[in-house]
């Protein structure tokens, strides 16, 4: 076991690098410890446990200084405080420790399934929102910006800059709320604006059964590469428009598949266990 005298022993440090294998082994050992300390510090950041760790660190520094100066009484006292203080801290801070361990478990995903990708989360938000609105005939018009900017149309809406979620999309389109008229425009995984006005298609081949939302969806898809989806407030039907191609009366499964084909990469590289260990 390492003691203070060894820290100042040249022979001890020389033994650590006596052979390439020994040096590599100690380097791996140190790297693992540093990695664990780093992840643990991230898990406890901003908690009461961090304050406790600082206090313990000060006691350890005081014990080291006392040992170097030969202050036996103070060194013995610090040892007792550290030994029994840790036990007391575990009892006193049990709830915080449990929370930290749960957080650490979420950060380190070695034995858990991989997190949802951003694209997958967006697809699920769209599908879940439509699944709620369609049977209730809540009209909706959502445009997802792609390579071409929709700034011209965003300027007509009310800025939100909010994270995309099922709940937000549903609440925006609830009838008789301030933002339910017009379109939602999504950019970079954010609800950029609501209540925006989109250009109506001038095509004469559109059936009269389709209202303003559908014509606006088709119009925008003709003027840009945006993906637009619509929920009819008359029938609850689901429609999409992309690159001038309009599809209507889609089932929820067909709608989801079209979203996946367009937004979710077809080949998703599986995370290695090393990356999952790091929570990335």
C-alpha atoms as a PDB file:
ATOM      1  CA  UNK A   1       0.000   0.000   0.000  1.00  0.00           C
ATOM      2  CA  UNK A   2       1.316   3.460  -0.869  1.00  0.00           C
ATOM      3  CA  UNK A   3       2.497   5.670   1.985  1.00  0.00           C
ATOM      4  CA  UNK A   4       3.945   9.151   2.205  1.00  0.00           C
ATOM      5  CA  UNK A   5       7.540   7.954   2.474  1.00  0.00           C
ATOM      6  CA  UNK A   6       7.220   6.151  -0.865  1.00  0.00           C
ATOM      7  CA  UNK A   7       6.259   9.390  -2.585  1.00  0.00           C
ATOM      8  CA  UNK A   8       9.753  10.734  -1.896  1.00  0.00           C
ATOM      9  CA  UNK A   9      11.564   7.464  -2.603  1.00  0.00           C
ATOM     10  CA  UNK A  10      13.381   7.531  -5.947  1.00  0.00           C
ATOM     11  CA  UNK A  11      13.569   3.752  -5.940  1.00  0.00           C
ATOM     12  CA  UNK A  12       9.790   3.500  -5.759  1.00  0.00           C
ATOM     13  CA  UNK A  13       9.280   5.687  -8.821  1.00  0.00           C
ATOM     14  CA  UNK A  14      12.005   3.810 -10.696  1.00  0.00           C
ATOM     15  CA  UNK A  15      10.230   0.524  -9.981  1.00  0.00           C
ATOM     16  CA  UNK A  16       7.086   1.837 -11.664  1.00  0.00           C
ATOM     17  CA  UNK A  17       8.904   2.014 -15.013  1.00  0.00           C
ATOM     18  CA  UNK A  18      11.269  -0.910 -14.512  1.00  0.00           C
ATOM     19  CA  UNK A  19       9.953  -2.543 -17.687  1.00  0.00           C
ATOM     20  CA  UNK A  20       7.702  -1.447 -20.586  1.00  0.00           C
ATOM     21  CA  UNK A  21       5.005  -3.890 -19.434  1.00  0.00           C
ATOM     22  CA  UNK A  22       5.061  -2.522 -15.883  1.00  0.00           C
ATOM     23  CA  UNK A  23       4.944   1.060 -17.135  1.00  0.00           C
ATOM     24  CA  UNK A  24       2.032   0.272 -19.472  1.00  0.00           C
ATOM     25  CA  UNK A  25       0.173  -1.513 -16.674  1.00  0.00           C
ATOM     26  CA  UNK A  26       0.547   1.442 -14.320  1.00  0.00           C
ATOM     27  CA  UNK A  27      -0.473   3.846 -17.100  1.00  0.00           C
ATOM     28  CA  UNK A  28      -3.667   1.838 -17.693  1.00  0.00           C
ATOM     29  CA  UNK A  29      -4.291   1.767 -13.946  1.00  0.00           C
ATOM     30  CA  UNK A  30      -3.937   5.539 -13.650  1.00  0.00           C
ATOM     31  CA  UNK A  31      -6.077   6.149 -16.750  1.00  0.00           C
ATOM     32  CA  UNK A  32      -8.936   4.037 -15.383  1.00  0.00           C
ATOM     33  CA  UNK A  33      -8.820   5.840 -12.040  1.00  0.00           C
ATOM     34  CA  UNK A  34      -8.807   9.265 -13.714  1.00  0.00           C
ATOM     35  CA  UNK A  35     -11.695   8.237 -15.965  1.00  0.00           C
ATOM     36  CA  UNK A  36     -13.760   7.046 -13.000  1.00  0.00           C
ATOM     37  CA  UNK A  37     -12.986  10.216 -11.047  1.00  0.00           C
ATOM     38  CA  UNK A  38     -13.997  12.342 -14.048  1.00  0.00           C
ATOM     39  CA  UNK A  39     -17.346  10.580 -14.490  1.00  0.00           C
ATOM     40  CA  UNK A  40     -18.018  10.624 -10.762  1.00  0.00           C
ATOM     41  CA  UNK A  41     -17.292  14.360 -10.575  1.00  0.00           C
ATOM     42  CA  UNK A  42     -19.719  14.973 -13.461  1.00  0.00           C
ATOM     43  CA  UNK A  43     -22.389  12.963 -11.673  1.00  0.00           C
ATOM     44  CA  UNK A  44     -22.057  14.869  -8.391  1.00  0.00           C
ATOM     45  CA  UNK A  45     -21.636  18.349  -9.883  1.00  0.00           C
ATOM     46  CA  UNK A  46     -24.134  20.777  -8.371  1.00  0.00           C
ATOM     47  CA  UNK A  47     -25.198  18.452  -5.539  1.00  0.00           C
ATOM     48  CA  UNK A  48     -24.687  18.593  -1.789  1.00  0.00           C
ATOM     49  CA  UNK A  49     -22.258  15.706  -2.136  1.00  0.00           C
ATOM     50  CA  UNK A  50     -19.812  18.033  -3.907  1.00  0.00           C
ATOM     51  CA  UNK A  51     -19.676  20.226  -0.817  1.00  0.00           C
ATOM     52  CA  UNK A  52     -18.974  17.141   1.280  1.00  0.00           C
ATOM     53  CA  UNK A  53     -16.203  16.039  -1.107  1.00  0.00           C
ATOM     54  CA  UNK A  54     -14.549  19.446  -0.793  1.00  0.00           C
ATOM     55  CA  UNK A  55     -14.622  19.135   2.983  1.00  0.00           C
ATOM     56  CA  UNK A  56     -13.100  15.639   2.880  1.00  0.00           C
ATOM     57  CA  UNK A  57     -10.430  16.882   0.476  1.00  0.00           C
ATOM     58  CA  UNK A  58      -9.449  19.636   2.907  1.00  0.00           C
ATOM     59  CA  UNK A  59      -9.140  17.089   5.730  1.00  0.00           C
ATOM     60  CA  UNK A  60      -6.940  14.886   3.534  1.00  0.00           C
ATOM     61  CA  UNK A  61      -4.699  17.831   2.669  1.00  0.00           C
ATOM     62  CA  UNK A  62      -4.471  18.738   6.360  1.00  0.00           C
ATOM     63  CA  UNK A  63      -3.563  15.129   7.222  1.00  0.00           C
ATOM     64  CA  UNK A  64      -0.837  15.071   4.553  1.00  0.00           C
ATOM     65  CA  UNK A  65       0.613  18.367   5.722  1.00  0.00           C
ATOM     66  CA  UNK A  66       0.560  17.204   9.346  1.00  0.00           C
ATOM     67  CA  UNK A  67       2.320  13.972   8.413  1.00  0.00           C
ATOM     68  CA  UNK A  68       5.010  15.804   6.447  1.00  0.00           C
ATOM     69  CA  UNK A  69       5.623  18.191   9.343  1.00  0.00           C
ATOM     70  CA  UNK A  70       5.659  15.380  11.878  1.00  0.00           C
ATOM     71  CA  UNK A  71       2.591  16.615  13.760  1.00  0.00           C
ATOM     72  CA  UNK A  72       1.556  13.208  15.055  1.00  0.00           C
ATOM     73  CA  UNK A  73      -1.423  14.314  17.149  1.00  0.00           C
ATOM     74  CA  UNK A  74      -2.999  16.355  14.384  1.00  0.00           C
ATOM     75  CA  UNK A  75      -2.297  13.594  11.860  1.00  0.00           C
ATOM     76  CA  UNK A  76      -3.952  11.005  14.118  1.00  0.00           C
ATOM     77  CA  UNK A  77      -6.928  13.295  14.673  1.00  0.00           C
ATOM     78  CA  UNK A  78      -7.354  13.894  10.931  1.00  0.00           C
ATOM     79  CA  UNK A  79      -7.206  10.140  10.318  1.00  0.00           C
ATOM     80  CA  UNK A  80     -10.003   9.563  12.809  1.00  0.00           C
ATOM     81  CA  UNK A  81     -12.135  12.331  11.343  1.00  0.00           C
ATOM     82  CA  UNK A  82     -11.696  10.965   7.817  1.00  0.00           C
ATOM     83  CA  UNK A  83     -12.340   7.343   8.855  1.00  0.00           C
ATOM     84  CA  UNK A  84     -15.460   7.912  10.912  1.00  0.00           C
ATOM     85  CA  UNK A  85     -16.578  11.019   9.014  1.00  0.00           C
ATOM     86  CA  UNK A  86     -17.048   9.023   5.826  1.00  0.00           C
ATOM     87  CA  UNK A  87     -19.291   6.550   7.652  1.00  0.00           C
ATOM     88  CA  UNK A  88     -21.321   9.385   9.157  1.00  0.00           C
ATOM     89  CA  UNK A  89     -21.568  11.114   5.772  1.00  0.00           C
ATOM     90  CA  UNK A  90     -22.976   7.970   4.145  1.00  0.00           C
ATOM     91  CA  UNK A  91     -25.742   7.918   6.753  1.00  0.00           C
ATOM     92  CA  UNK A  92     -26.447  11.665   6.695  1.00  0.00           C
ATOM     93  CA  UNK A  93     -26.363  12.037   2.915  1.00  0.00           C
ATOM     94  CA  UNK A  94     -28.033   8.732   2.010  1.00  0.00           C
ATOM     95  CA  UNK A  95     -30.738  10.348  -0.203  1.00  0.00           C
ATOM     96  CA  UNK A  96     -28.179  12.458  -2.057  1.00  0.00           C
ATOM     97  CA  UNK A  97     -25.880   9.469  -2.527  1.00  0.00           C
ATOM     98  CA  UNK A  98     -28.741   7.442  -3.956  1.00  0.00           C
ATOM     99  CA  UNK A  99     -29.543  10.251  -6.385  1.00  0.00           C
ATOM    100  CA  UNK A 100     -25.888  10.526  -7.418  1.00  0.00           C
ATOM    101  CA  UNK A 101     -25.627   6.772  -8.037  1.00  0.00           C
ATOM    102  CA  UNK A 102     -28.794   6.860 -10.157  1.00  0.00           C
ATOM    103  CA  UNK A 103     -27.378   9.772 -12.141  1.00  0.00           C
ATOM    104  CA  UNK A 104     -24.074   7.955 -12.570  1.00  0.00           C
ATOM    105  CA  UNK A 105     -25.967   4.908 -13.778  1.00  0.00           C
ATOM    106  CA  UNK A 106     -27.734   7.000 -16.411  1.00  0.00           C
ATOM    107  CA  UNK A 107     -24.431   8.554 -17.498  1.00  0.00           C
ATOM    108  CA  UNK A 108     -22.694   5.203 -17.876  1.00  0.00           C
ATOM    109  CA  UNK A 109     -24.721   3.177 -20.348  1.00  0.00           C
ATOM    110  CA  UNK A 110     -22.619   0.018 -20.607  1.00  0.00           C
ATOM    111  CA  UNK A 111     -25.524  -2.300 -19.800  1.00  0.00           C
ATOM    112  CA  UNK A 112     -28.393  -0.156 -21.035  1.00  0.00           C
ATOM    113  CA  UNK A 113     -29.850   0.424 -24.445  1.00  0.00           C
ATOM    114  CA  UNK A 114     -28.544   3.314 -26.487  1.00  0.00           C
ATOM    115  CA  UNK A 115     -30.168   6.704 -26.226  1.00  0.00           C
ATOM    116  CA  UNK A 116     -32.583   7.788 -28.916  1.00  0.00           C
ATOM    117  CA  UNK A 117     -30.952   9.818 -31.649  1.00  0.00           C
ATOM    118  CA  UNK A 118     -32.120  13.371 -32.245  1.00  0.00           C
ATOM    119  CA  UNK A 119     -33.786  12.288 -35.478  1.00  0.00           C
ATOM    120  CA  UNK A 120     -35.575   9.407 -33.764  1.00  0.00           C
ATOM    121  CA  UNK A 121     -36.806  11.701 -30.973  1.00  0.00           C
ATOM    122  CA  UNK A 122     -38.203  14.160 -33.516  1.00  0.00           C
ATOM    123  CA  UNK A 123     -39.956  11.421 -35.468  1.00  0.00           C
ATOM    124  CA  UNK A 124     -41.551  10.114 -32.293  1.00  0.00           C
ATOM    125  CA  UNK A 125     -42.689  13.617 -31.317  1.00  0.00           C
ATOM    126  CA  UNK A 126     -44.335  14.140 -34.724  1.00  0.00           C
ATOM    127  CA  UNK A 127     -45.987  10.716 -34.743  1.00  0.00           C
ATOM    128  CA  UNK A 128     -47.278  10.978 -31.186  1.00  0.00           C
ATOM    129  CA  UNK A 129     -48.658  14.471 -31.787  1.00  0.00           C
ATOM    130  CA  UNK A 130     -50.438  13.373 -34.960  1.00  0.00           C
ATOM    131  CA  UNK A 131     -51.701  10.211 -33.242  1.00  0.00           C
ATOM    132  CA  UNK A 132     -53.378  12.455 -30.664  1.00  0.00           C
ATOM    133  CA  UNK A 133     -54.723  15.102 -33.044  1.00  0.00           C
ATOM    134  CA  UNK A 134     -55.955  12.928 -35.913  1.00  0.00           C
ATOM    135  CA  UNK A 135     -58.775  11.010 -34.134  1.00  0.00           C
ATOM    136  CA  UNK A 136     -59.860  14.244 -32.407  1.00  0.00           C
ATOM    137  CA  UNK A 137     -59.888  16.179 -35.717  1.00  0.00           C
ATOM    138  CA  UNK A 138     -57.535  18.855 -34.429  1.00  0.00           C
ATOM    139  CA  UNK A 139     -56.275  20.674 -37.506  1.00  0.00           C
ATOM    140  CA  UNK A 140     -52.507  21.070 -37.788  1.00  0.00           C
ATOM    141  CA  UNK A 141     -49.957  22.325 -40.292  1.00  0.00           C
ATOM    142  CA  UNK A 142     -46.238  21.730 -39.635  1.00  0.00           C
ATOM    143  CA  UNK A 143     -43.324  22.544 -41.935  1.00  0.00           C
ATOM    144  CA  UNK A 144     -39.867  21.105 -41.266  1.00  0.00           C
ATOM    145  CA  UNK A 145     -37.114  23.237 -42.769  1.00  0.00           C
ATOM    146  CA  UNK A 146     -34.378  21.362 -44.607  1.00  0.00           C
ATOM    147  CA  UNK A 147     -31.565  22.724 -46.819  1.00  0.00           C
ATOM    148  CA  UNK A 148     -33.470  25.715 -48.186  1.00  0.00           C
ATOM    149  CA  UNK A 149     -34.224  28.485 -45.734  1.00  0.00           C
ATOM    150  CA  UNK A 150     -37.803  29.359 -44.836  1.00  0.00           C
ATOM    151  CA  UNK A 151     -36.884  32.750 -43.393  1.00  0.00           C
ATOM    152  CA  UNK A 152     -39.365  34.521 -45.678  1.00  0.00           C
ATOM    153  CA  UNK A 153     -42.204  32.556 -44.089  1.00  0.00           C
ATOM    154  CA  UNK A 154     -40.803  32.481 -40.568  1.00  0.00           C
ATOM    155  CA  UNK A 155     -40.903  36.265 -40.519  1.00  0.00           C
ATOM    156  CA  UNK A 156     -44.710  36.090 -40.741  1.00  0.00           C
ATOM    157  CA  UNK A 157     -45.052  33.975 -37.604  1.00  0.00           C
ATOM    158  CA  UNK A 158     -44.593  34.362 -33.853  1.00  0.00           C
ATOM    159  CA  UNK A 159     -41.093  33.341 -32.688  1.00  0.00           C
ATOM    160  CA  UNK A 160     -40.947  30.530 -30.123  1.00  0.00           C
ATOM    161  CA  UNK A 161     -37.504  28.878 -30.383  1.00  0.00           C
ATOM    162  CA  UNK A 162     -38.717  25.966 -28.227  1.00  0.00           C
ATOM    163  CA  UNK A 163     -37.710  22.316 -28.121  1.00  0.00           C
ATOM    164  CA  UNK A 164     -39.900  20.082 -30.259  1.00  0.00           C
ATOM    165  CA  UNK A 165     -42.195  17.881 -28.198  1.00  0.00           C
ATOM    166  CA  UNK A 166     -45.474  16.057 -28.573  1.00  0.00           C
ATOM    167  CA  UNK A 167     -47.074  18.216 -25.882  1.00  0.00           C
ATOM    168  CA  UNK A 168     -46.006  21.510 -27.438  1.00  0.00           C
ATOM    169  CA  UNK A 169     -47.258  20.629 -30.909  1.00  0.00           C
ATOM    170  CA  UNK A 170     -50.615  19.497 -29.524  1.00  0.00           C
ATOM    171  CA  UNK A 171     -51.072  22.607 -27.399  1.00  0.00           C
ATOM    172  CA  UNK A 172     -50.238  24.946 -30.267  1.00  0.00           C
ATOM    173  CA  UNK A 173     -53.013  23.515 -32.450  1.00  0.00           C
ATOM    174  CA  UNK A 174     -55.742  23.180 -29.833  1.00  0.00           C
ATOM    175  CA  UNK A 175     -58.702  25.118 -31.303  1.00  0.00           C
ATOM    176  CA  UNK A 176     -59.365  28.679 -30.132  1.00  0.00           C
ATOM    177  CA  UNK A 177     -55.870  29.158 -28.722  1.00  0.00           C
ATOM    178  CA  UNK A 178     -53.842  32.195 -29.862  1.00  0.00           C
ATOM    179  CA  UNK A 179     -51.379  30.190 -32.003  1.00  0.00           C
ATOM    180  CA  UNK A 180     -53.586  27.542 -33.580  1.00  0.00           C
ATOM    181  CA  UNK A 181     -54.071  29.387 -36.888  1.00  0.00           C
ATOM    182  CA  UNK A 182     -51.290  29.223 -39.428  1.00  0.00           C
ATOM    183  CA  UNK A 183     -48.296  26.911 -39.591  1.00  0.00           C
ATOM    184  CA  UNK A 184     -45.579  25.790 -37.232  1.00  0.00           C
ATOM    185  CA  UNK A 185     -42.103  25.939 -38.776  1.00  0.00           C
ATOM    186  CA  UNK A 186     -39.401  23.708 -37.316  1.00  0.00           C
ATOM    187  CA  UNK A 187     -35.717  24.419 -37.772  1.00  0.00           C
ATOM    188  CA  UNK A 188     -32.725  22.631 -36.216  1.00  0.00           C
ATOM    189  CA  UNK A 189     -34.821  20.529 -33.820  1.00  0.00           C
ATOM    190  CA  UNK A 190     -36.603  23.672 -32.567  1.00  0.00           C
ATOM    191  CA  UNK A 191     -40.092  25.039 -33.039  1.00  0.00           C
ATOM    192  CA  UNK A 192     -38.872  28.256 -34.631  1.00  0.00           C
ATOM    193  CA  UNK A 193     -42.235  29.992 -35.106  1.00  0.00           C
ATOM    194  CA  UNK A 194     -45.955  29.367 -34.874  1.00  0.00           C
ATOM    195  CA  UNK A 195     -48.861  31.045 -36.626  1.00  0.00           C
ATOM    196  CA  UNK A 196     -46.846  31.497 -39.819  1.00  0.00           C
ATOM    197  CA  UNK A 197     -48.351  32.027 -43.255  1.00  0.00           C
ATOM    198  CA  UNK A 198     -47.304  29.731 -46.099  1.00  0.00           C
ATOM    199  CA  UNK A 199     -47.749  30.243 -49.856  1.00  0.00           C
ATOM    200  CA  UNK A 200     -50.804  28.566 -51.374  1.00  0.00           C
ATOM    201  CA  UNK A 201     -50.374  26.325 -54.396  1.00  0.00           C
ATOM    202  CA  UNK A 202     -51.594  27.683 -57.714  1.00  0.00           C
ATOM    203  CA  UNK A 203     -52.129  24.221 -59.142  1.00  0.00           C
ATOM    204  CA  UNK A 204     -55.583  23.722 -60.596  1.00  0.00           C
ATOM    205  CA  UNK A 205     -55.427  19.972 -60.150  1.00  0.00           C
ATOM    206  CA  UNK A 206     -56.005  20.031 -56.395  1.00  0.00           C
ATOM    207  CA  UNK A 207     -59.355  18.605 -55.342  1.00  0.00           C
ATOM    208  CA  UNK A 208     -61.799  20.985 -53.723  1.00  0.00           C
ATOM    209  CA  UNK A 209     -62.059  18.640 -50.761  1.00  0.00           C
ATOM    210  CA  UNK A 210     -58.725  19.955 -49.556  1.00  0.00           C
ATOM    211  CA  UNK A 211     -58.749  23.184 -47.606  1.00  0.00           C
ATOM    212  CA  UNK A 212     -56.317  26.008 -46.991  1.00  0.00           C
ATOM    213  CA  UNK A 213     -53.929  23.962 -44.837  1.00  0.00           C
ATOM    214  CA  UNK A 214     -53.471  21.374 -47.580  1.00  0.00           C
ATOM    215  CA  UNK A 215     -53.010  24.018 -50.275  1.00  0.00           C
ATOM    216  CA  UNK A 216     -50.443  25.788 -48.098  1.00  0.00           C
ATOM    217  CA  UNK A 217     -48.584  22.526 -47.521  1.00  0.00           C
ATOM    218  CA  UNK A 218     -48.438  21.807 -51.256  1.00  0.00           C
ATOM    219  CA  UNK A 219     -47.485  25.419 -52.010  1.00  0.00           C
ATOM    220  CA  UNK A 220     -44.524  25.356 -49.643  1.00  0.00           C
ATOM    221  CA  UNK A 221     -43.369  21.965 -50.929  1.00  0.00           C
ATOM    222  CA  UNK A 222     -43.382  23.415 -54.457  1.00  0.00           C
ATOM    223  CA  UNK A 223     -41.400  26.493 -53.389  1.00  0.00           C
ATOM    224  CA  UNK A 224     -38.813  24.737 -51.186  1.00  0.00           C
ATOM    225  CA  UNK A 225     -37.464  21.364 -50.101  1.00  0.00           C
ATOM    226  CA  UNK A 226     -39.310  21.530 -46.768  1.00  0.00           C
ATOM    227  CA  UNK A 227     -41.280  18.544 -45.517  1.00  0.00           C
ATOM    228  CA  UNK A 228     -44.827  19.498 -44.552  1.00  0.00           C
ATOM    229  CA  UNK A 229     -47.488  17.445 -42.820  1.00  0.00           C
ATOM    230  CA  UNK A 230     -51.141  18.234 -42.251  1.00  0.00           C
ATOM    231  CA  UNK A 231     -53.931  16.973 -40.028  1.00  0.00           C
ATOM    232  CA  UNK A 232     -57.376  17.804 -41.405  1.00  0.00           C
ATOM    233  CA  UNK A 233     -59.815  19.400 -38.968  1.00  0.00           C
ATOM    234  CA  UNK A 234     -62.742  18.114 -41.040  1.00  0.00           C
ATOM    235  CA  UNK A 235     -61.792  14.449 -41.366  1.00  0.00           C
ATOM    236  CA  UNK A 236     -58.729  13.996 -39.164  1.00  0.00           C
ATOM    237  CA  UNK A 237     -56.904  12.689 -42.242  1.00  0.00           C
ATOM    238  CA  UNK A 238     -53.099  12.756 -42.330  1.00  0.00           C
ATOM    239  CA  UNK A 239     -51.368  14.248 -45.376  1.00  0.00           C
ATOM    240  CA  UNK A 240     -47.787  15.074 -46.348  1.00  0.00           C
ATOM    241  CA  UNK A 241     -46.172  17.229 -48.999  1.00  0.00           C
ATOM    242  CA  UNK A 242     -42.539  17.126 -50.088  1.00  0.00           C
ATOM    243  CA  UNK A 243     -40.900  18.362 -53.299  1.00  0.00           C
ATOM    244  CA  UNK A 244     -44.316  19.020 -54.774  1.00  0.00           C
ATOM    245  CA  UNK A 245     -45.548  15.476 -54.120  1.00  0.00           C
ATOM    246  CA  UNK A 246     -48.747  15.405 -52.084  1.00  0.00           C
ATOM    247  CA  UNK A 247     -49.883  12.266 -50.252  1.00  0.00           C
ATOM    248  CA  UNK A 248     -53.168  12.164 -48.369  1.00  0.00           C
ATOM    249  CA  UNK A 249     -55.267   9.831 -46.229  1.00  0.00           C
ATOM    250  CA  UNK A 250     -52.156   8.204 -44.818  1.00  0.00           C
ATOM    251  CA  UNK A 251     -52.338   5.750 -41.968  1.00  0.00           C
ATOM    252  CA  UNK A 252     -50.280   6.550 -38.898  1.00  0.00           C
ATOM    253  CA  UNK A 253     -47.864   3.737 -39.845  1.00  0.00           C
ATOM    254  CA  UNK A 254     -47.428   5.133 -43.364  1.00  0.00           C
ATOM    255  CA  UNK A 255     -46.843   8.603 -41.954  1.00  0.00           C
ATOM    256  CA  UNK A 256     -44.213   7.292 -39.561  1.00  0.00           C
ATOM    257  CA  UNK A 257     -42.487   5.333 -42.304  1.00  0.00           C
ATOM    258  CA  UNK A 258     -42.282   8.401 -44.528  1.00  0.00           C
ATOM    259  CA  UNK A 259     -40.739  10.368 -41.670  1.00  0.00           C
ATOM    260  CA  UNK A 260     -38.189   7.634 -41.058  1.00  0.00           C
ATOM    261  CA  UNK A 261     -37.312   7.354 -44.734  1.00  0.00           C
ATOM    262  CA  UNK A 262     -36.670  11.082 -44.868  1.00  0.00           C
ATOM    263  CA  UNK A 263     -35.128  11.951 -41.505  1.00  0.00           C
ATOM    264  CA  UNK A 264     -33.672   8.828 -39.888  1.00  0.00           C
ATOM    265  CA  UNK A 265     -30.398   7.546 -41.400  1.00  0.00           C
ATOM    266  CA  UNK A 266     -30.896   4.127 -42.970  1.00  0.00           C
ATOM    267  CA  UNK A 267     -27.585   2.839 -41.621  1.00  0.00           C
ATOM    268  CA  UNK A 268     -27.186   3.737 -37.958  1.00  0.00           C
ATOM    269  CA  UNK A 269     -23.799   2.758 -36.619  1.00  0.00           C
ATOM    270  CA  UNK A 270     -24.089   0.859 -33.381  1.00  0.00           C
ATOM    271  CA  UNK A 271     -22.298   2.361 -30.431  1.00  0.00           C
ATOM    272  CA  UNK A 272     -19.304   0.436 -29.222  1.00  0.00           C
ATOM    273  CA  UNK A 273     -19.294  -0.657 -25.602  1.00  0.00           C
ATOM    274  CA  UNK A 274     -16.466   1.806 -24.961  1.00  0.00           C
ATOM    275  CA  UNK A 275     -18.587   4.757 -26.165  1.00  0.00           C
ATOM    276  CA  UNK A 276     -21.581   3.511 -24.185  1.00  0.00           C
ATOM    277  CA  UNK A 277     -19.353   3.275 -21.101  1.00  0.00           C
ATOM    278  CA  UNK A 278     -18.602   6.953 -21.570  1.00  0.00           C
ATOM    279  CA  UNK A 279     -22.307   7.823 -21.912  1.00  0.00           C
ATOM    280  CA  UNK A 280     -21.819   9.153 -25.436  1.00  0.00           C
END
